[in-house]
Amino acid sequence: MASLSEAIGAIIKRKRTRDRLTQNDLGAKVGVSGSYISAVEAGNTSPRIAEVEGVAQVFRTTALEMISEAASSETKIYSDSRREQEALLSIFTTLSPDRRQQVYEFVLFQRDLQDRNDDKRNN
């Protein structure tokens, strides 16, 4: 069973890689070194609450949500598909409403193309 600090480290790593940040990039945004982020992700050190709050801001969440997620992480399994969904959602939420609408319409278009291709294969 992972400790809370280890679970928080795993969540930080997952969110950091999802957002394509290096440990140095994240550390610079939070005001700590990249090697410190590495130690937190590896479970070798426990982050202070102020640092968890800083990391949470970078990931557009709260420290409380990250700690809650870490506390319940034993029951969560993150598949590659789930990671991709989270990465897309993270990018999507940064878009303006107009761009979001364009993305939505593009995704519907892609689904229709896929459905048509599937229908051709099945006939």
C-alpha atoms as a PDB file:
ATOM      1  CA  MET A   1       0.000   0.000   0.000  1.00  0.00           C
ATOM      2  CA  ALA A   2       1.461   3.348  -1.081  1.00  0.00           C
ATOM      3  CA  SER A   3       1.744   6.191   1.377  1.00  0.00           C
ATOM      4  CA  LEU A   4      -0.157   9.420   0.793  1.00  0.00           C
ATOM      5  CA  SER A   5       3.103  11.129  -0.220  1.00  0.00           C
ATOM      6  CA  GLU A   6       3.840   8.387  -2.769  1.00  0.00           C
ATOM      7  CA  ALA A   7       0.318   8.628  -4.166  1.00  0.00           C
ATOM      8  CA  ILE A   8       0.602  12.427  -4.466  1.00  0.00           C
ATOM      9  CA  GLY A   9       3.944  11.960  -6.234  1.00  0.00           C
ATOM     10  CA  ALA A  10       2.367   9.535  -8.708  1.00  0.00           C
ATOM     11  CA  ILE A  11      -0.486  11.958  -9.384  1.00  0.00           C
ATOM     12  CA  ILE A  12       1.931  14.840  -9.934  1.00  0.00           C
ATOM     13  CA  LYS A  13       3.927  12.728 -12.386  1.00  0.00           C
ATOM     14  CA  ARG A  14       0.796  11.646 -14.257  1.00  0.00           C
ATOM     15  CA  LYS A  15      -0.500  15.203 -14.560  1.00  0.00           C
ATOM     16  CA  ARG A  16       2.940  16.572 -15.458  1.00  0.00           C
ATOM     17  CA  THR A  17       3.455  14.058 -18.260  1.00  0.00           C
ATOM     18  CA  ARG A  18      -0.129  14.574 -19.416  1.00  0.00           C
ATOM     19  CA  ASP A  19       0.594  18.288 -19.789  1.00  0.00           C
ATOM     20  CA  ARG A  20       3.984  17.559 -21.377  1.00  0.00           C
ATOM     21  CA  LEU A  21       5.965  19.422 -18.753  1.00  0.00           C
ATOM     22  CA  THR A  22       9.465  18.463 -17.688  1.00  0.00           C
ATOM     23  CA  GLN A  23      10.284  18.240 -14.019  1.00  0.00           C
ATOM     24  CA  ASN A  24      12.294  21.447 -14.438  1.00  0.00           C
ATOM     25  CA  ASP A  25       9.328  23.186 -16.125  1.00  0.00           C
ATOM     26  CA  LEU A  26       6.983  22.239 -13.287  1.00  0.00           C
ATOM     27  CA  GLY A  27       9.541  23.119 -10.642  1.00  0.00           C
ATOM     28  CA  ALA A  28      10.056  26.579 -12.174  1.00  0.00           C
ATOM     29  CA  LYS A  29       6.308  27.228 -12.144  1.00  0.00           C
ATOM     30  CA  VAL A  30       6.053  26.191  -8.489  1.00  0.00           C
ATOM     31  CA  GLY A  31       9.305  27.756  -7.296  1.00  0.00           C
ATOM     32  CA  VAL A  32      11.260  24.580  -6.572  1.00  0.00           C
ATOM     33  CA  SER A  33      13.948  22.674  -8.449  1.00  0.00           C
ATOM     34  CA  GLY A  34      13.337  19.958 -10.998  1.00  0.00           C
ATOM     35  CA  SER A  35      15.292  17.549  -8.813  1.00  0.00           C
ATOM     36  CA  TYR A  36      12.875  18.275  -5.964  1.00  0.00           C
ATOM     37  CA  ILE A  37       9.929  17.424  -8.259  1.00  0.00           C
ATOM     38  CA  SER A  38      11.782  14.226  -9.171  1.00  0.00           C
ATOM     39  CA  ALA A  39      12.166  13.308  -5.488  1.00  0.00           C
ATOM     40  CA  VAL A  40       8.452  13.979  -4.834  1.00  0.00           C
ATOM     41  CA  GLU A  41       7.380  11.902  -7.842  1.00  0.00           C
ATOM     42  CA  ALA A  42       9.633   9.039  -6.752  1.00  0.00           C
ATOM     43  CA  GLY A  43       8.179   9.149  -3.240  1.00  0.00           C
ATOM     44  CA  ASN A  44      11.581   9.984  -1.746  1.00  0.00           C
ATOM     45  CA  THR A  45      10.336  13.190  -0.126  1.00  0.00           C
ATOM     46  CA  SER A  46       6.985  14.504   1.016  1.00  0.00           C
ATOM     47  CA  PRO A  47       5.787  17.781  -0.485  1.00  0.00           C
ATOM     48  CA  ARG A  48       4.712  20.595   1.819  1.00  0.00           C
ATOM     49  CA  ILE A  49       1.112  21.768   1.556  1.00  0.00           C
ATOM     50  CA  ALA A  50       2.254  25.067  -0.001  1.00  0.00           C
ATOM     51  CA  GLU A  51       4.001  23.113  -2.765  1.00  0.00           C
ATOM     52  CA  VAL A  52       0.978  20.899  -3.347  1.00  0.00           C
ATOM     53  CA  GLU A  53      -1.081  24.100  -3.649  1.00  0.00           C
ATOM     54  CA  GLY A  54       1.403  25.490  -6.195  1.00  0.00           C
ATOM     55  CA  VAL A  55       1.370  22.296  -8.231  1.00  0.00           C
ATOM     56  CA  ALA A  56      -2.427  22.192  -8.071  1.00  0.00           C
ATOM     57  CA  GLN A  57      -2.611  25.720  -9.499  1.00  0.00           C
ATOM     58  CA  VAL A  58      -0.426  24.689 -12.425  1.00  0.00           C
ATOM     59  CA  PHE A  59      -2.808  21.792 -13.117  1.00  0.00           C
ATOM     60  CA  ARG A  60      -5.928  23.968 -12.674  1.00  0.00           C
ATOM     61  CA  THR A  61      -7.183  22.103  -9.622  1.00  0.00           C
ATOM     62  CA  THR A  62      -6.950  22.464  -5.853  1.00  0.00           C
ATOM     63  CA  ALA A  63      -4.637  20.927  -3.275  1.00  0.00           C
ATOM     64  CA  LEU A  64      -7.672  19.391  -1.604  1.00  0.00           C
ATOM     65  CA  GLU A  65      -8.717  17.678  -4.839  1.00  0.00           C
ATOM     66  CA  MET A  66      -5.194  16.337  -5.374  1.00  0.00           C
ATOM     67  CA  ILE A  67      -4.982  15.025  -1.816  1.00  0.00           C
ATOM     68  CA  SER A  68      -8.464  13.472  -2.105  1.00  0.00           C
ATOM     69  CA  GLU A  69      -7.466  11.848  -5.389  1.00  0.00           C
ATOM     70  CA  ALA A  70      -4.284  10.523  -3.771  1.00  0.00           C
ATOM     71  CA  ALA A  71      -6.219   9.155  -0.806  1.00  0.00           C
ATOM     72  CA  SER A  72      -8.548   7.249  -3.116  1.00  0.00           C
ATOM     73  CA  SER A  73      -5.975   6.390  -5.802  1.00  0.00           C
ATOM     74  CA  GLU A  74      -5.701   2.756  -4.749  1.00  0.00           C
ATOM     75  CA  THR A  75      -9.073   2.099  -6.313  1.00  0.00           C
ATOM     76  CA  LYS A  76      -8.292   3.951  -9.548  1.00  0.00           C
ATOM     77  CA  ILE A  77      -6.641   2.373 -12.532  1.00  0.00           C
ATOM     78  CA  TYR A  78      -5.366   4.736 -15.207  1.00  0.00           C
ATOM     79  CA  SER A  79      -5.250   3.118 -18.595  1.00  0.00           C
ATOM     80  CA  ASP A  80      -3.471   4.665 -21.559  1.00  0.00           C
ATOM     81  CA  SER A  81      -6.901   5.498 -22.967  1.00  0.00           C
ATOM     82  CA  ARG A  82      -7.870   7.323 -19.774  1.00  0.00           C
ATOM     83  CA  ARG A  83      -4.597   9.279 -19.826  1.00  0.00           C
ATOM     84  CA  GLU A  84      -5.265  10.330 -23.420  1.00  0.00           C
ATOM     85  CA  GLN A  85      -8.773  11.443 -22.494  1.00  0.00           C
ATOM     86  CA  GLU A  86      -7.448  13.513 -19.600  1.00  0.00           C
ATOM     87  CA  ALA A  87      -4.787  15.083 -21.823  1.00  0.00           C
ATOM     88  CA  LEU A  88      -7.379  16.043 -24.434  1.00  0.00           C
ATOM     89  CA  LEU A  89      -9.727  17.418 -21.805  1.00  0.00           C
ATOM     90  CA  SER A  90      -6.900  19.438 -20.276  1.00  0.00           C
ATOM     91  CA  ILE A  91      -6.146  21.023 -23.640  1.00  0.00           C
ATOM     92  CA  PHE A  92      -9.832  21.493 -24.458  1.00  0.00           C
ATOM     93  CA  THR A  93     -10.513  23.425 -21.250  1.00  0.00           C
ATOM     94  CA  THR A  94      -7.864  25.992 -22.173  1.00  0.00           C
ATOM     95  CA  LEU A  95      -9.615  26.885 -25.445  1.00  0.00           C
ATOM     96  CA  SER A  96     -11.956  29.802 -25.999  1.00  0.00           C
ATOM     97  CA  PRO A  97     -15.680  28.981 -26.397  1.00  0.00           C
ATOM     98  CA  ASP A  98     -15.445  29.499 -30.166  1.00  0.00           C
ATOM     99  CA  ARG A  99     -12.489  27.122 -30.460  1.00  0.00           C
ATOM    100  CA  ARG A 100     -14.261  24.578 -28.271  1.00  0.00           C
ATOM    101  CA  GLN A 101     -17.213  24.638 -30.640  1.00  0.00           C
ATOM    102  CA  GLN A 102     -14.887  24.094 -33.602  1.00  0.00           C
ATOM    103  CA  VAL A 103     -13.246  21.137 -31.856  1.00  0.00           C
ATOM    104  CA  TYR A 104     -16.652  19.683 -31.017  1.00  0.00           C
ATOM    105  CA  GLU A 105     -17.810  19.948 -34.635  1.00  0.00           C
ATOM    106  CA  PHE A 106     -14.540  18.417 -35.868  1.00  0.00           C
ATOM    107  CA  VAL A 107     -14.898  15.463 -33.496  1.00  0.00           C
ATOM    108  CA  LEU A 108     -18.471  14.875 -34.687  1.00  0.00           C
ATOM    109  CA  PHE A 109     -17.238  15.007 -38.288  1.00  0.00           C
ATOM    110  CA  GLN A 110     -14.513  12.440 -37.496  1.00  0.00           C
ATOM    111  CA  ARG A 111     -17.036  10.151 -35.815  1.00  0.00           C
ATOM    112  CA  ASP A 112     -19.317  10.332 -38.857  1.00  0.00           C
ATOM    113  CA  LEU A 113     -16.399   9.441 -41.147  1.00  0.00           C
ATOM    114  CA  GLN A 114     -15.530   6.490 -38.960  1.00  0.00           C
ATOM    115  CA  ASP A 115     -19.146   5.305 -38.907  1.00  0.00           C
ATOM    116  CA  ARG A 116     -19.322   5.489 -42.698  1.00  0.00           C
ATOM    117  CA  ASN A 117     -16.075   3.522 -43.042  1.00  0.00           C
ATOM    118  CA  ASP A 118     -17.343   0.926 -40.583  1.00  0.00           C
ATOM    119  CA  ASP A 119     -20.588   0.611 -42.570  1.00  0.00           C
ATOM    120  CA  LYS A 120     -18.620   0.053 -45.804  1.00  0.00           C
ATOM    121  CA  ARG A 121     -16.548  -2.689 -44.187  1.00  0.00           C
ATOM    122  CA  ASN A 122     -19.616  -4.426 -42.799  1.00  0.00           C
ATOM    123  CA  ASN A 123     -21.440  -4.445 -46.139  1.00  0.00           C
END
